[in-house]
PDB file of all heavy atoms in Angstrom:
ATOM      1  N   GLY A   1       4.594  -5.631  36.337  1.00  0.00           N
ATOM      2  CA  GLY A   1       4.652  -4.916  35.068  1.00  0.00           C
ATOM      3  C   GLY A   1       3.429  -5.143  34.197  1.00  0.00           C
ATOM      4  O   GLY A   1       2.533  -5.930  34.524  1.00  0.00           O
ATOM      5  N   THR A   2       3.420  -4.442  33.075  1.00  0.00           N
ATOM      6  CA  THR A   2       2.284  -4.477  32.148  1.00  0.00           C
ATOM      7  C   THR A   2       2.788  -4.604  30.722  1.00  0.00           C
ATOM      8  O   THR A   2       3.814  -4.014  30.364  1.00  0.00           O
ATOM      9  CB  THR A   2       1.444  -3.180  32.275  1.00  0.00           C
ATOM     10  OG1 THR A   2       0.976  -3.066  33.617  1.00  0.00           O
ATOM     11  CG2 THR A   2       0.272  -3.185  31.309  1.00  0.00           C
ATOM     12  N   THR A   3       2.071  -5.368  29.903  1.00  0.00           N
ATOM     13  CA  THR A   3       2.390  -5.508  28.483  1.00  0.00           C
ATOM     14  C   THR A   3       1.161  -5.161  27.652  1.00  0.00           C
ATOM     15  O   THR A   3       0.100  -5.764  27.812  1.00  0.00           O
ATOM     16  CB  THR A   3       2.834  -6.942  28.136  1.00  0.00           C
ATOM     17  OG1 THR A   3       4.039  -7.242  28.840  1.00  0.00           O
ATOM     18  CG2 THR A   3       3.093  -7.081  26.629  1.00  0.00           C
ATOM     19  N   PHE A   4       1.323  -4.149  26.791  1.00  0.00           N
ATOM     20  CA  PHE A   4       0.306  -3.822  25.802  1.00  0.00           C
ATOM     21  C   PHE A   4       0.728  -4.435  24.468  1.00  0.00           C
ATOM     22  O   PHE A   4       1.891  -4.286  24.055  1.00  0.00           O
ATOM     23  CB  PHE A   4       0.161  -2.310  25.642  1.00  0.00           C
ATOM     24  CG  PHE A   4      -0.596  -1.648  26.758  1.00  0.00           C
ATOM     25  CD1 PHE A   4       0.073  -1.127  27.853  1.00  0.00           C
ATOM     26  CD2 PHE A   4      -1.986  -1.561  26.720  1.00  0.00           C
ATOM     27  CE1 PHE A   4      -0.623  -0.517  28.888  1.00  0.00           C
ATOM     28  CE2 PHE A   4      -2.690  -0.957  27.747  1.00  0.00           C
ATOM     29  CZ  PHE A   4      -2.003  -0.438  28.844  1.00  0.00           C
ATOM     30  N   THR A   5      -0.202  -5.111  23.812  1.00  0.00           N
ATOM     31  CA  THR A   5       0.073  -5.735  22.517  1.00  0.00           C
ATOM     32  C   THR A   5      -0.860  -5.134  21.465  1.00  0.00           C
ATOM     33  O   THR A   5      -2.081  -5.162  21.628  1.00  0.00           O
ATOM     34  CB  THR A   5      -0.128  -7.255  22.576  1.00  0.00           C
ATOM     35  OG1 THR A   5       0.731  -7.800  23.583  1.00  0.00           O
ATOM     36  CG2 THR A   5       0.225  -7.894  21.234  1.00  0.00           C
ATOM     37  N   ILE A   6      -0.260  -4.605  20.412  1.00  0.00           N
ATOM     38  CA  ILE A   6      -1.005  -3.973  19.312  1.00  0.00           C
ATOM     39  C   ILE A   6      -0.801  -4.785  18.047  1.00  0.00           C
ATOM     40  O   ILE A   6       0.319  -5.226  17.753  1.00  0.00           O
ATOM     41  CB  ILE A   6      -0.513  -2.530  19.082  1.00  0.00           C
ATOM     42  CG1 ILE A   6      -0.717  -1.684  20.337  1.00  0.00           C
ATOM     43  CG2 ILE A   6      -1.210  -1.895  17.875  1.00  0.00           C
ATOM     44  CD1 ILE A   6       0.058  -0.378  20.300  1.00  0.00           C
ATOM     45  N   HIS A   7      -1.859  -4.999  17.298  1.00  0.00           N
ATOM     46  CA  HIS A   7      -1.767  -5.604  15.969  1.00  0.00           C
ATOM     47  C   HIS A   7      -2.306  -4.607  14.949  1.00  0.00           C
ATOM     48  O   HIS A   7      -3.462  -4.190  15.037  1.00  0.00           O
ATOM     49  CB  HIS A   7      -2.572  -6.908  15.896  1.00  0.00           C
ATOM     50  CG  HIS A   7      -1.936  -8.041  16.617  1.00  0.00           C
ATOM     51  ND1 HIS A   7      -2.167  -8.300  17.961  1.00  0.00           N
ATOM     52  CD2 HIS A   7      -1.069  -9.001  16.205  1.00  0.00           C
ATOM     53  CE1 HIS A   7      -1.473  -9.361  18.327  1.00  0.00           C
ATOM     54  NE2 HIS A   7      -0.801  -9.817  17.291  1.00  0.00           N
ATOM     55  N   LEU A   8      -1.466  -4.203  13.993  1.00  0.00           N
ATOM     56  CA  LEU A   8      -1.877  -3.286  12.927  1.00  0.00           C
ATOM     57  C   LEU A   8      -1.815  -3.998  11.578  1.00  0.00           C
ATOM     58  O   LEU A   8      -0.834  -4.712  11.308  1.00  0.00           O
ATOM     59  CB  LEU A   8      -0.942  -2.067  12.871  1.00  0.00           C
ATOM     60  CG  LEU A   8      -1.093  -1.001  13.959  1.00  0.00           C
ATOM     61  CD1 LEU A   8      -0.021   0.068  13.769  1.00  0.00           C
ATOM     62  CD2 LEU A   8      -2.474  -0.376  13.924  1.00  0.00           C
ATOM     63  N   PRO A   9      -2.821  -3.829  10.728  1.00  0.00           N
ATOM     64  CA  PRO A   9      -2.774  -4.458   9.403  1.00  0.00           C
ATOM     65  C   PRO A   9      -1.562  -3.964   8.615  1.00  0.00           C
ATOM     66  O   PRO A   9      -1.283  -2.758   8.568  1.00  0.00           O
ATOM     67  CB  PRO A   9      -4.080  -3.995   8.735  1.00  0.00           C
ATOM     68  CG  PRO A   9      -4.974  -3.607   9.858  1.00  0.00           C
ATOM     69  CD  PRO A   9      -4.083  -3.075  10.930  1.00  0.00           C
ATOM     70  N   ALA A  10      -0.834  -4.895   8.039  1.00  0.00           N
ATOM     71  CA  ALA A  10       0.344  -4.545   7.243  1.00  0.00           C
ATOM     72  C   ALA A  10      -0.036  -4.409   5.779  1.00  0.00           C
ATOM     73  O   ALA A  10      -1.050  -4.939   5.328  1.00  0.00           O
ATOM     74  CB  ALA A  10       1.423  -5.610   7.414  1.00  0.00           C
ATOM     75  N   SER A  11       0.801  -3.694   5.038  1.00  0.00           N
ATOM     76  CA  SER A  11       0.575  -3.513   3.606  1.00  0.00           C
ATOM     77  C   SER A  11       1.425  -4.493   2.812  1.00  0.00           C
ATOM     78  O   SER A  11       2.503  -4.906   3.252  1.00  0.00           O
ATOM     79  CB  SER A  11       0.916  -2.078   3.193  1.00  0.00           C
ATOM     80  OG  SER A  11       0.866  -1.930   1.799  1.00  0.00           O
ATOM     81  N   ALA A  12       0.933  -4.851   1.641  1.00  0.00           N
ATOM     82  CA  ALA A  12       1.710  -5.714   0.744  1.00  0.00           C
ATOM     83  C   ALA A  12       2.797  -4.916   0.040  1.00  0.00           C
ATOM     84  O   ALA A  12       3.725  -5.482  -0.536  1.00  0.00           O
ATOM     85  CB  ALA A  12       0.799  -6.364  -0.290  1.00  0.00           C
ATOM     86  N   ASN A  13       2.689  -3.574   0.078  1.00  0.00           N
ATOM     87  CA  ASN A  13       3.656  -2.707  -0.585  1.00  0.00           C
ATOM     88  C   ASN A  13       4.686  -2.202   0.408  1.00  0.00           C
ATOM     89  O   ASN A  13       4.510  -2.309   1.622  1.00  0.00           O
ATOM     90  CB  ASN A  13       2.943  -1.513  -1.232  1.00  0.00           C
ATOM     91  CG  ASN A  13       1.927  -1.958  -2.271  1.00  0.00           C
ATOM     92  OD1 ASN A  13       2.185  -2.861  -3.043  1.00  0.00           O
ATOM     93  ND2 ASN A  13       0.756  -1.331  -2.253  1.00  0.00           N
ATOM     94  N   THR A  14       5.759  -1.622  -0.110  1.00  0.00           N
ATOM     95  CA  THR A  14       6.790  -1.056   0.730  1.00  0.00           C
ATOM     96  C   THR A  14       6.756   0.457   0.643  1.00  0.00           C
ATOM     97  O   THR A  14       6.481   1.016  -0.408  1.00  0.00           O
ATOM     98  CB  THR A  14       8.192  -1.570   0.338  1.00  0.00           C
ATOM     99  OG1 THR A  14       9.173  -0.850   1.087  1.00  0.00           O
ATOM    100  CG2 THR A  14       8.455  -1.367  -1.139  1.00  0.00           C
ATOM    101  N   ALA A  15       7.041   1.115   1.764  1.00  0.00           N
ATOM    102  CA  ALA A  15       7.016   2.572   1.795  1.00  0.00           C
ATOM    103  C   ALA A  15       8.240   3.171   1.122  1.00  0.00           C
ATOM    104  O   ALA A  15       8.256   4.343   0.773  1.00  0.00           O
ATOM    105  CB  ALA A  15       6.936   3.065   3.236  1.00  0.00           C
ATOM    106  N   LYS A  16       9.283   2.373   0.882  1.00  0.00           N
ATOM    107  CA  LYS A  16      10.519   2.920   0.317  1.00  0.00           C
ATOM    108  C   LYS A  16      10.295   3.487  -1.079  1.00  0.00           C
ATOM    109  O   LYS A  16      10.894   4.476  -1.463  1.00  0.00           O
ATOM    110  CB  LYS A  16      11.599   1.830   0.279  1.00  0.00           C
ATOM    111  CG  LYS A  16      12.090   1.418   1.655  1.00  0.00           C
ATOM    112  CD  LYS A  16      13.175   0.374   1.566  1.00  0.00           C
ATOM    113  CE  LYS A  16      13.676  -0.014   2.949  1.00  0.00           C
ATOM    114  NZ  LYS A  16      14.721  -1.053   2.896  1.00  0.00           N
ATOM    115  N   THR A  17       9.449   2.845  -1.866  1.00  0.00           N
ATOM    116  CA  THR A  17       9.197   3.311  -3.233  1.00  0.00           C
ATOM    117  C   THR A  17       8.640   4.730  -3.218  1.00  0.00           C
ATOM    118  O   THR A  17       9.060   5.587  -3.980  1.00  0.00           O
ATOM    119  CB  THR A  17       8.201   2.380  -3.937  1.00  0.00           C
ATOM    120  OG1 THR A  17       8.699   1.046  -3.862  1.00  0.00           O
ATOM    121  CG2 THR A  17       8.030   2.787  -5.391  1.00  0.00           C
ATOM    122  N   GLU A  18       7.693   4.986  -2.315  1.00  0.00           N
ATOM    123  CA  GLU A  18       7.097   6.322  -2.217  1.00  0.00           C
ATOM    124  C   GLU A  18       8.124   7.347  -1.763  1.00  0.00           C
ATOM    125  O   GLU A  18       8.180   8.462  -2.268  1.00  0.00           O
ATOM    126  CB  GLU A  18       5.927   6.278  -1.238  1.00  0.00           C
ATOM    127  CG  GLU A  18       5.158   7.582  -1.155  1.00  0.00           C
ATOM    128  CD  GLU A  18       3.912   7.463  -0.300  1.00  0.00           C
ATOM    129  OE1 GLU A  18       3.287   6.392  -0.325  1.00  0.00           O
ATOM    130  OE2 GLU A  18       3.585   8.439   0.387  1.00  0.00           O
ATOM    131  N   ILE A  19       8.988   6.974  -0.800  1.00  0.00           N
ATOM    132  CA  ILE A  19      10.015   7.885  -0.315  1.00  0.00           C
ATOM    133  C   ILE A  19      11.011   8.219  -1.414  1.00  0.00           C
ATOM    134  O   ILE A  19      11.392   9.366  -1.621  1.00  0.00           O
ATOM    135  CB  ILE A  19      10.746   7.272   0.904  1.00  0.00           C
ATOM    136  CG1 ILE A  19       9.779   7.150   2.085  1.00  0.00           C
ATOM    137  CG2 ILE A  19      11.958   8.107   1.294  1.00  0.00           C
ATOM    138  CD1 ILE A  19      10.302   6.355   3.239  1.00  0.00           C
ATOM    139  N   GLU A  20      11.430   7.204  -2.173  1.00  0.00           N
ATOM    140  CA  GLU A  20      12.390   7.434  -3.240  1.00  0.00           C
ATOM    141  C   GLU A  20      11.824   8.344  -4.312  1.00  0.00           C
ATOM    142  O   GLU A  20      12.504   9.223  -4.828  1.00  0.00           O
ATOM    143  CB  GLU A  20      12.817   6.088  -3.849  1.00  0.00           C
ATOM    144  CG  GLU A  20      13.730   5.282  -2.917  1.00  0.00           C
ATOM    145  CD  GLU A  20      13.856   3.836  -3.354  1.00  0.00           C
ATOM    146  OE1 GLU A  20      13.226   3.462  -4.370  1.00  0.00           O
ATOM    147  OE2 GLU A  20      14.567   3.080  -2.668  1.00  0.00           O
ATOM    148  N   SER A  21      10.554   8.157  -4.669  1.00  0.00           N
ATOM    149  CA  SER A  21       9.952   8.988  -5.705  1.00  0.00           C
ATOM    150  C   SER A  21       9.834  10.428  -5.231  1.00  0.00           C
ATOM    151  O   SER A  21       9.978  11.370  -6.003  1.00  0.00           O
ATOM    152  CB  SER A  21       8.577   8.449  -6.092  1.00  0.00           C
ATOM    153  OG  SER A  21       7.685   8.525  -5.008  1.00  0.00           O
ATOM    154  N   LEU A  22       9.602  10.629  -3.913  1.00  0.00           N
ATOM    155  CA  LEU A  22       9.503  11.976  -3.379  1.00  0.00           C
ATOM    156  C   LEU A  22      10.857  12.673  -3.413  1.00  0.00           C
ATOM    157  O   LEU A  22      10.945  13.864  -3.693  1.00  0.00           O
ATOM    158  CB  LEU A  22       8.981  11.921  -1.939  1.00  0.00           C
ATOM    159  CG  LEU A  22       8.714  13.253  -1.241  1.00  0.00           C
ATOM    160  CD1 LEU A  22       7.682  14.067  -2.021  1.00  0.00           C
ATOM    161  CD2 LEU A  22       8.261  13.049   0.183  1.00  0.00           C
ATOM    162  N   ASN A  23      11.923  11.919  -3.162  1.00  0.00           N
ATOM    163  CA  ASN A  23      13.260  12.507  -3.193  1.00  0.00           C
ATOM    164  C   ASN A  23      13.677  12.950  -4.582  1.00  0.00           C
ATOM    165  O   ASN A  23      14.573  13.771  -4.746  1.00  0.00           O
ATOM    166  CB  ASN A  23      14.291  11.499  -2.654  1.00  0.00           C
ATOM    167  CG  ASN A  23      14.134  11.277  -1.155  1.00  0.00           C
ATOM    168  OD1 ASN A  23      13.574  12.117  -0.461  1.00  0.00           O
ATOM    169  ND2 ASN A  23      14.603  10.150  -0.674  1.00  0.00           N
ATOM    170  N   GLU A  24      13.037  12.381  -5.616  1.00  0.00           N
ATOM    171  CA  GLU A  24      13.390  12.740  -6.983  1.00  0.00           C
ATOM    172  C   GLU A  24      12.723  14.027  -7.447  1.00  0.00           C
ATOM    173  O   GLU A  24      13.017  14.559  -8.506  1.00  0.00           O
ATOM    174  CB  GLU A  24      12.975  11.595  -7.930  1.00  0.00           C
ATOM    175  CG  GLU A  24      13.788  10.315  -7.730  1.00  0.00           C
ATOM    176  CD  GLU A  24      13.206   9.152  -8.502  1.00  0.00           C
ATOM    177  OE1 GLU A  24      12.198   9.358  -9.205  1.00  0.00           O
ATOM    178  OE2 GLU A  24      13.758   8.051  -8.412  1.00  0.00           O
ATOM    179  N   ILE A  25      11.800  14.576  -6.646  1.00  0.00           N
ATOM    180  CA  ILE A  25      11.075  15.778  -7.041  1.00  0.00           C
ATOM    181  C   ILE A  25      12.010  16.981  -7.070  1.00  0.00           C
ATOM    182  O   ILE A  25      12.822  17.174  -6.174  1.00  0.00           O
ATOM    183  CB  ILE A  25       9.911  16.049  -6.067  1.00  0.00           C
ATOM    184  CG1 ILE A  25       8.863  14.948  -6.195  1.00  0.00           C
ATOM    185  CG2 ILE A  25       9.278  17.410  -6.307  1.00  0.00           C
ATOM    186  CD1 ILE A  25       7.759  15.053  -5.175  1.00  0.00           C
ATOM    187  N   ASP A  26      11.896  17.783  -8.109  1.00  0.00           N
ATOM    188  CA  ASP A  26      12.643  19.029  -8.206  1.00  0.00           C
ATOM    189  C   ASP A  26      12.003  20.032  -7.255  1.00  0.00           C
ATOM    190  O   ASP A  26      10.903  20.517  -7.480  1.00  0.00           O
ATOM    191  CB  ASP A  26      12.598  19.554  -9.651  1.00  0.00           C
ATOM    192  CG  ASP A  26      13.393  20.839  -9.817  1.00  0.00           C
ATOM    193  OD1 ASP A  26      13.926  21.336  -8.800  1.00  0.00           O
ATOM    194  OD2 ASP A  26      13.470  21.335 -10.953  1.00  0.00           O
ATOM    195  N   LEU A  27      12.708  20.381  -6.167  1.00  0.00           N
ATOM    196  CA  LEU A  27      12.137  21.243  -5.155  1.00  0.00           C
ATOM    197  C   LEU A  27      12.134  22.714  -5.562  1.00  0.00           C
ATOM    198  O   LEU A  27      11.847  23.580  -4.756  1.00  0.00           O
ATOM    199  CB  LEU A  27      12.896  21.059  -3.833  1.00  0.00           C
ATOM    200  CG  LEU A  27      12.777  19.668  -3.207  1.00  0.00           C
ATOM    201  CD1 LEU A  27      13.564  19.608  -1.912  1.00  0.00           C
ATOM    202  CD2 LEU A  27      11.317  19.312  -2.953  1.00  0.00           C
ATOM    203  N   LYS A  28      12.481  23.021  -6.822  1.00  0.00           N
ATOM    204  CA  LYS A  28      12.473  24.407  -7.281  1.00  0.00           C
ATOM    205  C   LYS A  28      11.283  24.703  -8.190  1.00  0.00           C
ATOM    206  O   LYS A  28      11.210  25.765  -8.796  1.00  0.00           O
ATOM    207  CB  LYS A  28      13.784  24.719  -8.004  1.00  0.00           C
ATOM    208  CG  LYS A  28      15.013  24.673  -7.085  1.00  0.00           C
ATOM    209  CD  LYS A  28      16.286  25.017  -7.834  1.00  0.00           C
ATOM    210  CE  LYS A  28      17.486  24.951  -6.892  1.00  0.00           C
ATOM    211  NZ  LYS A  28      18.762  25.260  -7.612  1.00  0.00           N
ATOM    212  N   ILE A  29      10.359  23.766  -8.296  1.00  0.00           N
ATOM    213  CA  ILE A  29       9.177  23.991  -9.126  1.00  0.00           C
ATOM    214  C   ILE A  29       8.331  25.089  -8.489  1.00  0.00           C
ATOM    215  O   ILE A  29       8.061  25.063  -7.291  1.00  0.00           O
ATOM    216  CB  ILE A  29       8.338  22.704  -9.255  1.00  0.00           C
ATOM    217  CG1 ILE A  29       9.140  21.619  -9.969  1.00  0.00           C
ATOM    218  CG2 ILE A  29       7.033  22.971  -9.996  1.00  0.00           C
ATOM    219  CD1 ILE A  29       8.443  20.283 -10.004  1.00  0.00           C
ATOM    220  N   THR A  30       7.934  26.083  -9.285  1.00  0.00           N
ATOM    221  CA  THR A  30       7.060  27.130  -8.795  1.00  0.00           C
ATOM    222  C   THR A  30       5.821  27.204  -9.670  1.00  0.00           C
ATOM    223  O   THR A  30       5.825  26.733 -10.811  1.00  0.00           O
ATOM    224  CB  THR A  30       7.770  28.495  -8.790  1.00  0.00           C
ATOM    225  OG1 THR A  30       8.228  28.793 -10.110  1.00  0.00           O
ATOM    226  CG2 THR A  30       8.947  28.491  -7.824  1.00  0.00           C
TER     227      THR A  30
END
């Protein structure tokens, strides 16, 4: 077998805050 190992830089912030703020957008804005 084979094992690939990836290391990606992590962020100090959480993505949940951005997702929550996007869900609060009024999708009827024109």
